[in-house]
């Protein structure tokens, strides 16, 4: 992996339940031990980003009662990621820091194209027209994968503790299409796929191999 012109931009992709947040936190510890500035971004996650606009967009996106059209989701996710990139990620990279992101535009390909049949070329065009090249082509992207059975088991445990949102609440056929979508994206873009079913430290070692 190369660090690009400045800083490092690393993306951990994968479906819900694959352990992206856990691995990002381990990566953050890894880089902070090197005295690097680290910023963690959770695209599409229901977390406090510190940017009111992105948080309000998240509230809309994850409200299953709204039953948003898939193309509306594409546009909202794009607006959210531009805000995060321009106001959080890009300034960090210019300072030579490390930006670690749970998800990027590949999630929109997986969920809105493979899951909801929005035209792939349209998603790609919207992304490349609105986002900088550095965002579209990260320094490193890895995709965490699980079997459908393991994914269902993990998300069931999590959903027993909290309500399902607009995407977690989709049926198993939708989730299986998304799972297949990630595998196809990895093949198309020649991205490393890492089995997320193993021990947390084993998964981290597999990711670190590419850094």
N, C-alpha and C. Protein backbone atom coordinates (compact mmCIF):
# COMPACT_ATOMS: atom_id res chain seq x y z
N UNK A 1 0.84 -1.19 0.00
CA UNK A 1 0.00 0.00 0.00
C UNK A 1 0.87 1.24 0.00
N UNK A 2 0.51 2.24 -0.77
CA UNK A 2 1.20 3.51 -0.74
C UNK A 2 0.36 4.52 0.02
N UNK A 3 1.01 5.54 0.53
CA UNK A 3 0.31 6.50 1.36
C UNK A 3 -0.28 7.65 0.58
N UNK A 4 -0.11 7.67 -0.76
CA UNK A 4 -0.68 8.74 -1.56
C UNK A 4 0.10 10.02 -1.36
N UNK A 5 -0.44 11.14 -1.79
CA UNK A 5 0.26 12.42 -1.72
C UNK A 5 0.42 12.89 -0.28
N UNK A 6 -0.56 12.61 0.57
CA UNK A 6 -0.48 13.02 1.97
C UNK A 6 -1.42 12.16 2.78
N UNK A 7 -0.98 11.84 4.00
CA UNK A 7 -1.82 11.03 4.87
C UNK A 7 -2.08 9.65 4.31
N UNK A 8 -2.97 8.93 4.97
CA UNK A 8 -3.40 7.62 4.52
C UNK A 8 -4.91 7.49 4.70
N UNK A 9 -5.55 6.96 3.67
CA UNK A 9 -6.99 6.77 3.68
C UNK A 9 -7.28 5.29 3.52
N UNK A 10 -7.80 4.67 4.58
CA UNK A 10 -8.02 3.22 4.61
C UNK A 10 -9.49 2.95 4.89
N UNK A 11 -10.07 2.05 4.12
CA UNK A 11 -11.49 1.73 4.22
C UNK A 11 -11.67 0.25 4.58
N UNK A 12 -12.52 0.00 5.56
CA UNK A 12 -12.95 -1.37 5.88
C UNK A 12 -14.40 -1.49 5.45
N UNK A 13 -14.65 -2.35 4.49
CA UNK A 13 -15.99 -2.55 3.96
C UNK A 13 -16.55 -3.90 4.41
N UNK A 14 -17.84 -4.06 4.23
CA UNK A 14 -18.47 -5.34 4.54
C UNK A 14 -19.86 -5.13 5.09
N UNK A 15 -20.60 -6.21 5.10
CA UNK A 15 -21.98 -6.14 5.53
C UNK A 15 -22.09 -5.96 7.04
N UNK A 16 -23.29 -5.63 7.51
CA UNK A 16 -23.52 -5.51 8.95
C UNK A 16 -23.15 -6.82 9.65
N UNK A 17 -22.46 -6.69 10.77
CA UNK A 17 -22.10 -7.87 11.55
C UNK A 17 -20.73 -8.43 11.25
N UNK A 18 -19.99 -7.82 10.30
CA UNK A 18 -18.67 -8.36 9.95
C UNK A 18 -17.55 -7.85 10.85
N UNK A 19 -17.85 -6.91 11.73
CA UNK A 19 -16.84 -6.46 12.70
C UNK A 19 -15.99 -5.29 12.22
N UNK A 20 -16.54 -4.46 11.36
CA UNK A 20 -15.78 -3.32 10.82
C UNK A 20 -15.31 -2.37 11.93
N UNK A 21 -16.21 -2.02 12.85
CA UNK A 21 -15.87 -1.07 13.90
C UNK A 21 -14.76 -1.60 14.80
N UNK A 22 -14.85 -2.87 15.15
CA UNK A 22 -13.80 -3.48 15.98
C UNK A 22 -12.45 -3.38 15.31
N UNK A 23 -12.40 -3.71 14.02
CA UNK A 23 -11.12 -3.67 13.30
C UNK A 23 -10.61 -2.26 13.12
N UNK A 24 -11.51 -1.30 12.91
CA UNK A 24 -11.07 0.09 12.79
C UNK A 24 -10.45 0.58 14.10
N UNK A 25 -11.02 0.19 15.22
CA UNK A 25 -10.46 0.59 16.50
C UNK A 25 -9.08 -0.01 16.73
N UNK A 26 -8.88 -1.25 16.29
CA UNK A 26 -7.56 -1.87 16.39
C UNK A 26 -6.56 -1.16 15.48
N UNK A 27 -7.01 -0.80 14.28
CA UNK A 27 -6.14 -0.06 13.37
C UNK A 27 -5.78 1.32 13.94
N UNK A 28 -6.76 1.96 14.56
CA UNK A 28 -6.50 3.27 15.16
C UNK A 28 -5.42 3.15 16.23
N UNK A 29 -5.51 2.13 17.07
CA UNK A 29 -4.48 1.91 18.09
C UNK A 29 -3.11 1.70 17.44
N UNK A 30 -3.10 0.94 16.36
CA UNK A 30 -1.85 0.65 15.63
C UNK A 30 -1.18 1.93 15.17
N UNK A 31 -1.94 2.83 14.57
CA UNK A 31 -1.36 4.06 14.04
C UNK A 31 -1.05 5.07 15.14
N UNK A 32 -1.86 5.11 16.18
CA UNK A 32 -1.59 6.05 17.28
C UNK A 32 -0.30 5.69 18.00
N UNK A 33 0.03 4.40 18.04
CA UNK A 33 1.31 4.00 18.63
C UNK A 33 2.48 4.53 17.82
N UNK A 34 2.23 4.90 16.58
CA UNK A 34 3.26 5.51 15.73
C UNK A 34 3.19 7.04 15.79
N UNK A 35 2.42 7.54 16.77
CA UNK A 35 2.23 8.99 16.95
C UNK A 35 1.60 9.66 15.73
N UNK A 36 0.71 8.93 15.08
CA UNK A 36 -0.01 9.49 13.93
C UNK A 36 -1.36 10.05 14.40
N UNK A 37 -1.79 11.13 13.76
CA UNK A 37 -3.15 11.62 13.97
C UNK A 37 -4.11 10.66 13.27
N UNK A 38 -5.15 10.24 13.97
CA UNK A 38 -6.11 9.28 13.42
C UNK A 38 -7.53 9.81 13.57
N UNK A 39 -8.29 9.72 12.50
CA UNK A 39 -9.71 10.06 12.52
C UNK A 39 -10.48 8.85 12.00
N UNK A 40 -11.53 8.47 12.73
CA UNK A 40 -12.38 7.36 12.31
C UNK A 40 -13.70 7.92 11.79
N UNK A 41 -14.08 7.46 10.60
CA UNK A 41 -15.36 7.86 9.99
C UNK A 41 -16.24 6.62 9.86
N UNK A 42 -17.52 6.78 10.18
CA UNK A 42 -18.48 5.69 10.01
C UNK A 42 -19.55 6.14 9.02
N UNK A 43 -19.31 5.91 7.75
CA UNK A 43 -20.30 6.34 6.75
C UNK A 43 -21.59 5.56 6.93
N UNK A 44 -22.69 6.29 7.02
CA UNK A 44 -23.98 5.64 7.10
C UNK A 44 -24.33 5.09 8.46
N UNK A 45 -23.43 5.27 9.44
CA UNK A 45 -23.70 4.73 10.78
C UNK A 45 -24.47 5.74 11.61
N UNK A 46 -25.26 5.22 12.52
CA UNK A 46 -26.05 6.10 13.40
C UNK A 46 -25.20 6.51 14.60
N UNK A 47 -24.17 7.30 14.32
CA UNK A 47 -23.28 7.78 15.38
C UNK A 47 -23.18 9.28 15.28
N UNK A 48 -22.67 9.89 16.33
CA UNK A 48 -22.51 11.33 16.38
C UNK A 48 -21.23 11.71 15.64
N UNK A 49 -21.35 12.22 14.43
CA UNK A 49 -20.19 12.56 13.61
C UNK A 49 -19.60 13.91 13.98
N UNK A 50 -20.35 14.71 14.71
CA UNK A 50 -19.92 16.07 14.99
C UNK A 50 -20.34 17.05 13.93
N UNK A 51 -20.96 16.56 12.87
CA UNK A 51 -21.47 17.40 11.79
C UNK A 51 -22.99 17.29 11.79
N UNK A 52 -23.71 18.32 12.17
CA UNK A 52 -25.17 18.25 12.27
C UNK A 52 -25.84 17.78 10.99
N UNK A 53 -25.34 18.23 9.84
CA UNK A 53 -25.99 17.85 8.57
C UNK A 53 -25.91 16.35 8.33
N UNK A 54 -24.73 15.74 8.56
CA UNK A 54 -24.59 14.31 8.32
C UNK A 54 -25.43 13.51 9.30
N UNK A 55 -25.51 13.99 10.55
CA UNK A 55 -26.32 13.27 11.53
C UNK A 55 -27.80 13.33 11.20
N UNK A 56 -28.25 14.47 10.69
CA UNK A 56 -29.65 14.57 10.29
C UNK A 56 -29.95 13.69 9.08
N UNK A 57 -29.01 13.63 8.15
CA UNK A 57 -29.19 12.73 7.00
C UNK A 57 -29.28 11.29 7.47
N UNK A 58 -28.42 10.91 8.43
CA UNK A 58 -28.47 9.56 8.97
C UNK A 58 -29.82 9.23 9.58
N UNK A 59 -30.37 10.18 10.30
CA UNK A 59 -31.68 9.94 10.92
C UNK A 59 -32.72 9.61 9.87
N UNK A 60 -32.69 10.34 8.77
CA UNK A 60 -33.63 10.09 7.67
C UNK A 60 -33.36 8.73 7.04
N UNK A 61 -32.10 8.44 6.73
CA UNK A 61 -31.74 7.21 6.04
C UNK A 61 -32.15 5.96 6.82
N UNK A 62 -32.01 6.00 8.12
CA UNK A 62 -32.23 4.80 8.92
C UNK A 62 -33.64 4.68 9.49
N UNK A 63 -34.49 5.64 9.16
CA UNK A 63 -35.88 5.60 9.63
C UNK A 63 -36.70 4.72 8.68
N UNK A 64 -36.94 3.48 9.08
CA UNK A 64 -37.62 2.54 8.20
C UNK A 64 -39.06 2.93 7.92
N UNK A 65 -39.64 3.78 8.76
CA UNK A 65 -41.02 4.21 8.53
C UNK A 65 -41.14 5.10 7.30
N UNK A 66 -40.03 5.69 6.84
CA UNK A 66 -40.07 6.57 5.67
C UNK A 66 -40.12 5.79 4.35
N UNK A 67 -39.63 4.55 4.37
CA UNK A 67 -39.67 3.69 3.18
C UNK A 67 -39.15 4.43 1.95
N UNK A 68 -37.92 4.91 2.04
CA UNK A 68 -37.33 5.73 0.98
C UNK A 68 -37.11 4.94 -0.30
N UNK A 69 -37.27 5.63 -1.43
CA UNK A 69 -36.93 5.04 -2.72
C UNK A 69 -35.43 4.78 -2.77
N UNK A 70 -34.98 3.66 -3.38
CA UNK A 70 -33.55 3.35 -3.42
C UNK A 70 -32.69 4.46 -4.01
N UNK A 71 -33.20 5.15 -5.04
CA UNK A 71 -32.43 6.23 -5.63
C UNK A 71 -32.30 7.41 -4.67
N UNK A 72 -33.30 7.64 -3.86
CA UNK A 72 -33.22 8.67 -2.82
C UNK A 72 -32.11 8.32 -1.84
N UNK A 73 -32.00 7.04 -1.49
CA UNK A 73 -30.92 6.60 -0.61
C UNK A 73 -29.55 6.90 -1.22
N UNK A 74 -29.40 6.63 -2.51
CA UNK A 74 -28.13 6.91 -3.19
C UNK A 74 -27.76 8.38 -3.04
N UNK A 75 -28.71 9.27 -3.30
CA UNK A 75 -28.44 10.70 -3.25
C UNK A 75 -28.14 11.18 -1.83
N UNK A 76 -28.88 10.64 -0.86
CA UNK A 76 -28.65 11.04 0.53
C UNK A 76 -27.29 10.55 1.03
N UNK A 77 -26.95 9.31 0.73
CA UNK A 77 -25.65 8.80 1.13
C UNK A 77 -24.52 9.61 0.48
N UNK A 78 -24.71 10.00 -0.78
CA UNK A 78 -23.69 10.79 -1.47
C UNK A 78 -23.52 12.15 -0.82
N UNK A 79 -24.63 12.78 -0.46
CA UNK A 79 -24.56 14.08 0.21
C UNK A 79 -23.85 13.95 1.56
N UNK A 80 -24.17 12.89 2.29
CA UNK A 80 -23.55 12.69 3.59
C UNK A 80 -22.04 12.48 3.47
N UNK A 81 -21.63 11.63 2.52
CA UNK A 81 -20.20 11.34 2.41
C UNK A 81 -19.41 12.55 1.92
N UNK A 82 -20.03 13.39 1.10
CA UNK A 82 -19.31 14.59 0.67
C UNK A 82 -19.05 15.52 1.86
N UNK A 83 -20.05 15.68 2.72
CA UNK A 83 -19.87 16.51 3.92
C UNK A 83 -18.74 15.95 4.80
N UNK A 84 -18.76 14.65 5.03
CA UNK A 84 -17.74 14.03 5.86
C UNK A 84 -16.36 14.17 5.24
N UNK A 85 -16.28 13.99 3.93
CA UNK A 85 -14.98 14.04 3.26
C UNK A 85 -14.41 15.46 3.28
N UNK A 86 -15.22 16.43 2.88
CA UNK A 86 -14.72 17.79 2.74
C UNK A 86 -14.41 18.43 4.09
N UNK A 87 -15.16 18.09 5.13
CA UNK A 87 -15.01 18.78 6.41
C UNK A 87 -14.21 18.00 7.46
N UNK A 88 -14.07 16.68 7.25
CA UNK A 88 -13.34 15.87 8.24
C UNK A 88 -12.15 15.16 7.61
N UNK A 89 -12.40 14.36 6.59
CA UNK A 89 -11.35 13.50 6.04
C UNK A 89 -10.26 14.27 5.31
N UNK A 90 -10.65 15.11 4.36
CA UNK A 90 -9.65 15.80 3.54
C UNK A 90 -8.72 16.68 4.38
N UNK A 91 -9.23 17.48 5.33
CA UNK A 91 -8.31 18.27 6.16
C UNK A 91 -7.33 17.40 6.96
N UNK A 92 -7.80 16.23 7.43
CA UNK A 92 -6.92 15.32 8.16
C UNK A 92 -5.80 14.81 7.27
N UNK A 93 -6.14 14.40 6.04
CA UNK A 93 -5.14 13.90 5.11
C UNK A 93 -4.12 14.97 4.75
N UNK A 94 -4.58 16.18 4.58
CA UNK A 94 -3.66 17.27 4.24
C UNK A 94 -2.67 17.55 5.37
N UNK A 95 -3.06 17.22 6.60
CA UNK A 95 -2.15 17.37 7.74
C UNK A 95 -1.23 16.16 7.89
N UNK A 96 -1.39 15.17 7.01
CA UNK A 96 -0.58 13.96 7.09
C UNK A 96 -1.16 12.91 8.00
N UNK A 97 -2.40 13.06 8.42
CA UNK A 97 -3.03 12.11 9.32
C UNK A 97 -3.57 10.88 8.61
N UNK A 98 -4.16 10.00 9.41
CA UNK A 98 -4.73 8.75 8.91
C UNK A 98 -6.24 8.82 9.05
N UNK A 99 -6.95 8.56 7.96
CA UNK A 99 -8.40 8.50 7.96
C UNK A 99 -8.81 7.04 7.81
N UNK A 100 -9.50 6.53 8.82
CA UNK A 100 -10.00 5.15 8.81
C UNK A 100 -11.51 5.21 8.67
N UNK A 101 -12.03 4.56 7.65
CA UNK A 101 -13.47 4.67 7.36
C UNK A 101 -14.15 3.31 7.35
N UNK A 102 -15.23 3.22 8.14
CA UNK A 102 -16.12 2.07 8.02
C UNK A 102 -17.09 2.39 6.90
N UNK A 103 -16.89 1.75 5.77
CA UNK A 103 -17.68 1.93 4.56
C UNK A 103 -17.21 3.14 3.76
N UNK A 104 -17.45 3.07 2.45
CA UNK A 104 -17.42 4.23 1.58
C UNK A 104 -18.43 3.99 0.47
N UNK A 105 -18.20 4.51 -0.72
CA UNK A 105 -19.22 4.42 -1.77
C UNK A 105 -19.49 2.99 -2.22
N UNK A 106 -18.58 2.07 -1.90
CA UNK A 106 -18.80 0.67 -2.29
C UNK A 106 -20.00 0.07 -1.56
N UNK A 107 -20.32 0.62 -0.38
CA UNK A 107 -21.53 0.19 0.31
C UNK A 107 -22.77 0.53 -0.50
N UNK A 108 -22.73 1.68 -1.17
CA UNK A 108 -23.88 2.05 -2.01
C UNK A 108 -24.00 1.10 -3.19
N UNK A 109 -22.87 0.69 -3.75
CA UNK A 109 -22.93 -0.32 -4.81
C UNK A 109 -23.55 -1.61 -4.28
N UNK A 110 -23.10 -2.04 -3.10
CA UNK A 110 -23.58 -3.32 -2.56
C UNK A 110 -25.06 -3.27 -2.21
N UNK A 111 -25.47 -2.21 -1.51
CA UNK A 111 -26.85 -2.14 -1.01
C UNK A 111 -27.84 -1.60 -2.03
N UNK A 112 -27.46 -0.55 -2.74
CA UNK A 112 -28.43 0.07 -3.65
C UNK A 112 -28.39 -0.52 -5.06
N UNK A 113 -27.24 -1.02 -5.50
CA UNK A 113 -27.21 -1.69 -6.81
C UNK A 113 -27.56 -3.17 -6.66
N UNK A 114 -26.72 -3.91 -5.98
CA UNK A 114 -26.95 -5.35 -5.88
C UNK A 114 -28.19 -5.66 -5.04
N UNK A 115 -28.42 -4.87 -3.98
CA UNK A 115 -29.57 -5.13 -3.13
C UNK A 115 -30.87 -4.61 -3.67
N UNK A 116 -30.84 -3.39 -4.27
CA UNK A 116 -32.09 -2.71 -4.66
C UNK A 116 -32.19 -2.39 -6.15
N UNK A 117 -31.23 -2.85 -6.94
CA UNK A 117 -31.31 -2.78 -8.41
C UNK A 117 -31.20 -1.37 -9.00
N UNK A 118 -30.61 -0.41 -8.27
CA UNK A 118 -30.28 0.86 -8.90
C UNK A 118 -29.13 0.62 -9.88
N UNK A 119 -29.18 1.24 -11.03
CA UNK A 119 -28.19 1.01 -12.07
C UNK A 119 -26.77 1.29 -11.56
N UNK A 120 -25.89 0.34 -11.75
CA UNK A 120 -24.52 0.47 -11.26
C UNK A 120 -23.80 1.67 -11.89
N UNK A 121 -23.94 1.82 -13.19
CA UNK A 121 -23.27 2.91 -13.89
C UNK A 121 -23.72 4.27 -13.34
N UNK A 122 -24.98 4.37 -12.96
CA UNK A 122 -25.50 5.62 -12.42
C UNK A 122 -24.86 5.93 -11.07
N UNK A 123 -24.75 4.93 -10.21
CA UNK A 123 -24.11 5.12 -8.92
C UNK A 123 -22.65 5.54 -9.11
N UNK A 124 -21.96 4.88 -10.01
CA UNK A 124 -20.56 5.21 -10.26
C UNK A 124 -20.42 6.63 -10.78
N UNK A 125 -21.31 7.02 -11.67
CA UNK A 125 -21.23 8.36 -12.26
C UNK A 125 -21.51 9.44 -11.21
N UNK A 126 -22.54 9.23 -10.40
CA UNK A 126 -22.85 10.19 -9.34
C UNK A 126 -21.66 10.34 -8.39
N UNK A 127 -21.04 9.22 -8.06
CA UNK A 127 -19.92 9.25 -7.12
C UNK A 127 -18.72 9.98 -7.72
N UNK A 128 -18.34 9.63 -8.93
CA UNK A 128 -17.16 10.26 -9.53
C UNK A 128 -17.41 11.72 -9.87
N UNK A 129 -18.66 12.10 -10.11
CA UNK A 129 -18.97 13.50 -10.41
C UNK A 129 -18.98 14.39 -9.17
N UNK A 130 -19.21 13.79 -8.01
CA UNK A 130 -19.38 14.59 -6.79
C UNK A 130 -18.27 14.43 -5.77
N UNK A 131 -17.46 13.37 -5.90
CA UNK A 131 -16.43 13.10 -4.91
C UNK A 131 -15.04 13.19 -5.52
N UNK A 132 -14.04 13.66 -4.76
CA UNK A 132 -12.67 13.74 -5.26
C UNK A 132 -12.10 12.36 -5.59
N UNK A 133 -11.11 12.35 -6.47
CA UNK A 133 -10.45 11.11 -6.87
C UNK A 133 -9.88 10.37 -5.67
N UNK A 134 -9.34 11.11 -4.72
CA UNK A 134 -8.72 10.48 -3.54
C UNK A 134 -9.74 9.68 -2.75
N UNK A 135 -10.98 10.16 -2.73
CA UNK A 135 -12.03 9.42 -2.04
C UNK A 135 -12.39 8.14 -2.80
N UNK A 136 -12.55 8.27 -4.10
CA UNK A 136 -13.02 7.14 -4.91
C UNK A 136 -12.01 6.00 -4.88
N UNK A 137 -10.73 6.35 -4.89
CA UNK A 137 -9.67 5.33 -4.92
C UNK A 137 -8.83 5.47 -3.65
N UNK A 138 -9.20 4.73 -2.63
CA UNK A 138 -8.51 4.81 -1.34
C UNK A 138 -7.10 4.25 -1.46
N UNK A 139 -6.29 4.50 -0.42
CA UNK A 139 -4.97 3.88 -0.36
C UNK A 139 -5.10 2.37 -0.13
N UNK A 140 -6.11 1.99 0.61
CA UNK A 140 -6.37 0.57 0.85
C UNK A 140 -7.84 0.39 1.19
N UNK A 141 -8.47 -0.57 0.54
CA UNK A 141 -9.81 -1.01 0.92
C UNK A 141 -9.80 -2.52 1.06
N UNK A 142 -10.26 -3.02 2.19
CA UNK A 142 -10.44 -4.46 2.37
C UNK A 142 -11.91 -4.72 2.66
N UNK A 143 -12.38 -5.87 2.24
CA UNK A 143 -13.78 -6.24 2.43
C UNK A 143 -13.86 -7.44 3.36
N UNK A 144 -14.55 -7.26 4.48
CA UNK A 144 -14.77 -8.36 5.42
C UNK A 144 -16.00 -9.14 4.97
N UNK A 145 -15.88 -10.45 4.94
CA UNK A 145 -16.98 -11.28 4.45
C UNK A 145 -17.33 -12.36 5.47
N UNK A 146 -18.60 -12.72 5.48
CA UNK A 146 -19.12 -13.80 6.29
C UNK A 146 -20.07 -14.64 5.44
N UNK A 147 -20.22 -15.90 5.79
CA UNK A 147 -21.25 -16.70 5.15
C UNK A 147 -22.61 -16.15 5.53
N UNK A 148 -23.63 -16.45 4.73
CA UNK A 148 -24.98 -15.99 5.05
C UNK A 148 -25.42 -16.47 6.43
N UNK A 149 -25.10 -17.74 6.76
CA UNK A 149 -25.51 -18.29 8.06
C UNK A 149 -24.85 -17.56 9.22
N UNK A 150 -23.55 -17.29 9.10
CA UNK A 150 -22.83 -16.60 10.17
C UNK A 150 -23.31 -15.16 10.29
N UNK A 151 -23.56 -14.52 9.16
CA UNK A 151 -24.06 -13.14 9.18
C UNK A 151 -25.40 -13.07 9.88
N UNK A 152 -26.31 -13.99 9.56
CA UNK A 152 -27.64 -14.00 10.18
C UNK A 152 -27.52 -14.20 11.68
N UNK A 153 -26.64 -15.11 12.10
CA UNK A 153 -26.47 -15.39 13.53
C UNK A 153 -25.95 -14.15 14.27
N UNK A 154 -25.00 -13.47 13.68
CA UNK A 154 -24.42 -12.30 14.35
C UNK A 154 -25.41 -11.14 14.42
N UNK A 155 -26.09 -10.88 13.32
CA UNK A 155 -27.01 -9.74 13.32
C UNK A 155 -28.22 -10.02 14.20
N UNK A 156 -28.60 -11.28 14.34
CA UNK A 156 -29.71 -11.61 15.23
C UNK A 156 -29.35 -11.26 16.67
N UNK A 157 -28.13 -11.59 17.08
CA UNK A 157 -27.69 -11.26 18.44
C UNK A 157 -27.72 -9.75 18.66
N UNK A 158 -27.25 -9.01 17.65
CA UNK A 158 -27.21 -7.55 17.80
C UNK A 158 -28.62 -6.96 17.78
N UNK A 159 -29.47 -7.47 16.91
CA UNK A 159 -30.82 -6.92 16.79
C UNK A 159 -31.71 -7.28 17.96
N UNK A 160 -31.34 -8.33 18.70
CA UNK A 160 -32.08 -8.66 19.92
C UNK A 160 -31.90 -7.56 20.97
N UNK A 161 -30.80 -6.80 20.84
CA UNK A 161 -30.49 -5.75 21.82
C UNK A 161 -30.97 -4.38 21.38
N UNK A 162 -31.16 -4.18 20.07
CA UNK A 162 -31.59 -2.88 19.56
C UNK A 162 -32.48 -3.08 18.34
N UNK A 163 -33.39 -2.14 18.06
CA UNK A 163 -34.31 -2.29 16.93
C UNK A 163 -33.58 -2.30 15.60
N UNK A 164 -34.15 -3.00 14.63
CA UNK A 164 -33.59 -3.01 13.29
C UNK A 164 -33.85 -1.68 12.60
N UNK A 165 -32.86 -1.22 11.80
CA UNK A 165 -33.08 0.01 11.06
C UNK A 165 -33.59 -0.32 9.66
N UNK A 166 -33.60 0.69 8.77
CA UNK A 166 -34.18 0.50 7.44
C UNK A 166 -33.45 -0.53 6.61
N UNK A 167 -32.17 -0.77 6.90
CA UNK A 167 -31.40 -1.72 6.10
C UNK A 167 -31.27 -3.08 6.77
N UNK A 168 -31.04 -3.09 8.08
CA UNK A 168 -30.97 -4.35 8.80
C UNK A 168 -32.32 -5.06 8.78
N UNK A 169 -33.40 -4.29 8.63
CA UNK A 169 -34.74 -4.86 8.64
C UNK A 169 -35.17 -5.47 7.32
N UNK A 170 -34.31 -5.37 6.28
CA UNK A 170 -34.65 -5.97 4.99
C UNK A 170 -34.63 -7.49 5.10
N UNK A 171 -35.36 -8.15 4.20
CA UNK A 171 -35.48 -9.61 4.29
C UNK A 171 -34.17 -10.31 3.91
N UNK A 172 -34.14 -11.62 4.13
CA UNK A 172 -32.92 -12.39 3.91
C UNK A 172 -32.50 -12.42 2.44
N UNK A 173 -33.46 -12.36 1.52
CA UNK A 173 -33.10 -12.33 0.10
C UNK A 173 -32.30 -11.07 -0.22
N UNK A 174 -32.74 -9.94 0.32
CA UNK A 174 -32.01 -8.68 0.12
C UNK A 174 -30.61 -8.80 0.70
N UNK A 175 -30.49 -9.32 1.92
CA UNK A 175 -29.19 -9.42 2.57
C UNK A 175 -28.27 -10.36 1.81
N UNK A 176 -28.82 -11.44 1.26
CA UNK A 176 -28.01 -12.37 0.48
C UNK A 176 -27.51 -11.70 -0.80
N UNK A 177 -28.34 -10.86 -1.43
CA UNK A 177 -27.91 -10.14 -2.63
C UNK A 177 -26.77 -9.18 -2.30
N UNK A 178 -26.88 -8.52 -1.15
CA UNK A 178 -25.82 -7.61 -0.72
C UNK A 178 -24.53 -8.38 -0.47
N UNK A 179 -24.65 -9.52 0.19
CA UNK A 179 -23.48 -10.36 0.46
C UNK A 179 -22.80 -10.76 -0.84
N UNK A 180 -23.60 -11.21 -1.80
CA UNK A 180 -23.05 -11.56 -3.12
C UNK A 180 -22.43 -10.34 -3.78
N UNK A 181 -23.08 -9.19 -3.59
CA UNK A 181 -22.58 -7.96 -4.19
C UNK A 181 -21.18 -7.63 -3.72
N UNK A 182 -20.93 -7.78 -2.45
CA UNK A 182 -19.59 -7.50 -1.93
C UNK A 182 -18.55 -8.44 -2.56
N UNK A 183 -18.91 -9.69 -2.72
CA UNK A 183 -17.99 -10.63 -3.35
C UNK A 183 -17.70 -10.22 -4.79
N UNK A 184 -18.74 -9.78 -5.49
CA UNK A 184 -18.56 -9.37 -6.89
C UNK A 184 -17.73 -8.09 -6.98
N UNK A 185 -17.98 -7.15 -6.08
CA UNK A 185 -17.20 -5.91 -6.06
C UNK A 185 -15.72 -6.20 -5.83
N UNK A 186 -15.43 -7.09 -4.89
CA UNK A 186 -14.04 -7.44 -4.61
C UNK A 186 -13.36 -8.03 -5.84
N UNK A 187 -14.09 -8.87 -6.57
CA UNK A 187 -13.53 -9.47 -7.78
C UNK A 187 -13.33 -8.41 -8.86
N UNK A 188 -14.34 -7.56 -9.05
CA UNK A 188 -14.28 -6.56 -10.11
C UNK A 188 -13.14 -5.56 -9.89
N UNK A 189 -12.96 -5.14 -8.64
CA UNK A 189 -11.99 -4.09 -8.32
C UNK A 189 -10.68 -4.65 -7.77
N UNK A 190 -10.60 -5.98 -7.73
CA UNK A 190 -9.40 -6.66 -7.24
C UNK A 190 -9.03 -6.20 -5.82
N UNK A 191 -10.03 -6.24 -4.95
CA UNK A 191 -9.84 -5.85 -3.55
C UNK A 191 -9.71 -7.11 -2.68
N UNK A 192 -8.88 -7.05 -1.65
CA UNK A 192 -8.74 -8.23 -0.78
C UNK A 192 -10.01 -8.49 0.02
N UNK A 193 -10.42 -9.75 0.06
CA UNK A 193 -11.52 -10.19 0.90
C UNK A 193 -10.94 -10.95 2.09
N UNK A 194 -11.43 -10.63 3.27
CA UNK A 194 -10.91 -11.26 4.49
C UNK A 194 -12.06 -11.93 5.23
N UNK A 195 -11.87 -13.19 5.57
CA UNK A 195 -12.89 -13.94 6.30
C UNK A 195 -13.03 -13.36 7.70
N UNK A 196 -14.22 -12.82 8.01
CA UNK A 196 -14.45 -12.16 9.29
C UNK A 196 -14.93 -13.13 10.36
N UNK A 197 -14.98 -14.41 10.05
CA UNK A 197 -15.51 -15.39 11.00
C UNK A 197 -14.49 -15.80 12.05
N UNK A 198 -13.22 -15.47 11.80
CA UNK A 198 -12.18 -15.90 12.72
C UNK A 198 -12.06 -15.05 13.96
N UNK A 199 -11.05 -15.36 14.77
CA UNK A 199 -10.74 -14.60 15.97
C UNK A 199 -10.42 -13.15 15.59
N UNK A 200 -10.82 -12.21 16.47
CA UNK A 200 -10.63 -10.78 16.19
C UNK A 200 -9.18 -10.46 15.83
N UNK A 201 -8.24 -11.01 16.59
CA UNK A 201 -6.83 -10.72 16.34
C UNK A 201 -6.35 -11.35 15.03
N UNK A 202 -6.89 -12.51 14.68
CA UNK A 202 -6.54 -13.12 13.40
C UNK A 202 -7.01 -12.26 12.24
N UNK A 203 -8.22 -11.73 12.36
CA UNK A 203 -8.75 -10.86 11.32
C UNK A 203 -7.88 -9.61 11.20
N UNK A 204 -7.51 -9.04 12.34
CA UNK A 204 -6.65 -7.85 12.32
C UNK A 204 -5.31 -8.15 11.65
N UNK A 205 -4.71 -9.29 11.97
CA UNK A 205 -3.42 -9.66 11.35
C UNK A 205 -3.57 -9.78 9.84
N UNK A 206 -4.72 -10.27 9.37
CA UNK A 206 -4.94 -10.38 7.94
C UNK A 206 -5.03 -9.00 7.29
N UNK A 207 -5.69 -8.06 7.98
CA UNK A 207 -5.78 -6.70 7.46
C UNK A 207 -4.40 -6.04 7.49
N UNK A 208 -3.68 -6.20 8.59
CA UNK A 208 -2.36 -5.58 8.73
C UNK A 208 -1.39 -6.04 7.67
N UNK A 209 -1.59 -7.24 7.16
CA UNK A 209 -0.73 -7.77 6.10
C UNK A 209 -0.69 -6.84 4.89
N UNK A 210 -1.77 -6.12 4.65
CA UNK A 210 -1.86 -5.25 3.47
C UNK A 210 -1.38 -3.82 3.74
N UNK A 211 -1.04 -3.53 4.99
CA UNK A 211 -0.63 -2.17 5.36
C UNK A 211 0.90 -2.07 5.38
